[in-house]
Amino acid sequence: MFQAQSHLYNHTFNFISSMSLKCAVQLRIPDVVHEHRRPMTLLELASALRIHPSKSACLYRLMRVLVHSGIFAETL
């Protein structure tokens, strides 16, 4: 039973990860970060993407998935 649940969670996360990457590419996040040439804060990224401040929580969640997937790195 546990192995089946683990397998299902793994497929679910892979789907979420790939859809998050798709969203990042559609929003041009990799291009914006590359053009910035240094680490960006979430507010800087939202501003560069022209994302309304009310949607910054969504951008935060998207970036958390992308960091967890190893696509982006978090700097402190």
Protein backbone atom coordinates (compact mmCIF):
# COMPACT_ATOMS: atom_id res chain seq x y z
CA MET A 1 0.00 0.00 0.00
CA PHE A 2 2.74 2.48 0.96
CA GLN A 3 4.66 1.75 -2.24
CA ALA A 4 1.56 2.48 -4.33
CA GLN A 5 0.95 5.76 -2.50
CA SER A 6 4.59 6.73 -2.93
CA HIS A 7 4.39 5.97 -6.64
CA LEU A 8 1.24 8.08 -6.99
CA TYR A 9 2.75 11.02 -5.08
CA ASN A 10 5.85 10.81 -7.24
CA HIS A 11 3.80 11.04 -10.44
CA THR A 12 1.72 13.87 -9.01
CA PHE A 13 4.81 15.88 -8.08
CA ASN A 14 6.37 15.25 -11.49
CA PHE A 15 3.22 16.64 -13.12
CA ILE A 16 3.22 19.71 -10.84
CA SER A 17 6.91 20.24 -11.49
CA SER A 18 6.54 20.07 -15.27
CA MET A 19 3.51 22.39 -15.27
CA SER A 20 5.40 24.85 -13.06
CA LEU A 21 8.29 24.83 -15.50
CA LYS A 22 5.81 25.44 -18.33
CA CYS A 23 4.39 28.45 -16.46
CA ALA A 24 7.88 29.81 -15.78
CA VAL A 25 8.77 29.62 -19.47
CA GLN A 26 5.48 31.22 -20.53
CA LEU A 27 6.03 34.06 -18.04
CA ARG A 28 9.64 34.41 -19.29
CA ILE A 29 11.03 34.03 -15.76
CA PRO A 30 14.34 32.47 -16.93
CA ASP A 31 14.86 35.31 -19.42
CA VAL A 32 14.12 38.01 -16.85
CA VAL A 33 16.46 36.46 -14.26
CA HIS A 34 19.21 36.03 -16.86
CA GLU A 35 18.88 39.61 -18.09
CA HIS A 36 19.03 40.88 -14.49
CA ARG A 37 22.49 39.25 -14.17
CA ARG A 38 22.29 38.86 -10.39
CA PRO A 39 19.93 37.27 -7.87
CA MET A 40 16.51 38.90 -7.68
CA THR A 41 14.06 39.31 -4.86
CA LEU A 42 10.51 38.15 -5.38
CA LEU A 43 9.36 41.78 -5.52
CA GLU A 44 11.95 42.61 -8.19
CA LEU A 45 10.86 39.58 -10.21
CA ALA A 46 7.17 40.47 -9.89
CA SER A 47 7.92 44.02 -10.97
CA ALA A 48 10.00 42.92 -13.96
CA LEU A 49 7.25 40.51 -15.02
CA ARG A 50 4.61 43.22 -14.49
CA ILE A 51 2.65 40.95 -12.18
CA HIS A 52 0.01 42.67 -10.07
CA PRO A 53 0.96 42.75 -6.36
CA SER A 54 -2.18 40.80 -5.48
CA LYS A 55 -0.72 37.86 -7.42
CA SER A 56 2.65 37.88 -5.65
CA ALA A 57 1.59 34.98 -3.38
CA CYS A 58 0.98 32.88 -6.52
CA LEU A 59 4.40 33.82 -7.88
CA TYR A 60 5.94 32.90 -4.52
CA ARG A 61 4.33 29.43 -4.63
CA LEU A 62 5.44 28.93 -8.24
CA MET A 63 9.02 29.86 -7.34
CA ARG A 64 8.98 27.52 -4.31
CA VAL A 65 8.06 24.60 -6.57
CA LEU A 66 10.78 25.59 -9.05
CA VAL A 67 13.37 25.84 -6.27
CA HIS A 68 12.29 22.51 -4.82
CA SER A 69 12.61 20.97 -8.31
CA GLY A 70 16.15 22.30 -8.63
CA ILE A 71 15.35 24.59 -11.56
CA PHE A 72 16.16 27.74 -9.58
CA ALA A 73 18.17 28.26 -6.41
CA GLU A 74 17.29 30.31 -3.37
CA THR A 75 19.87 32.75 -2.05
CA LEU A 76 19.81 34.21 1.41
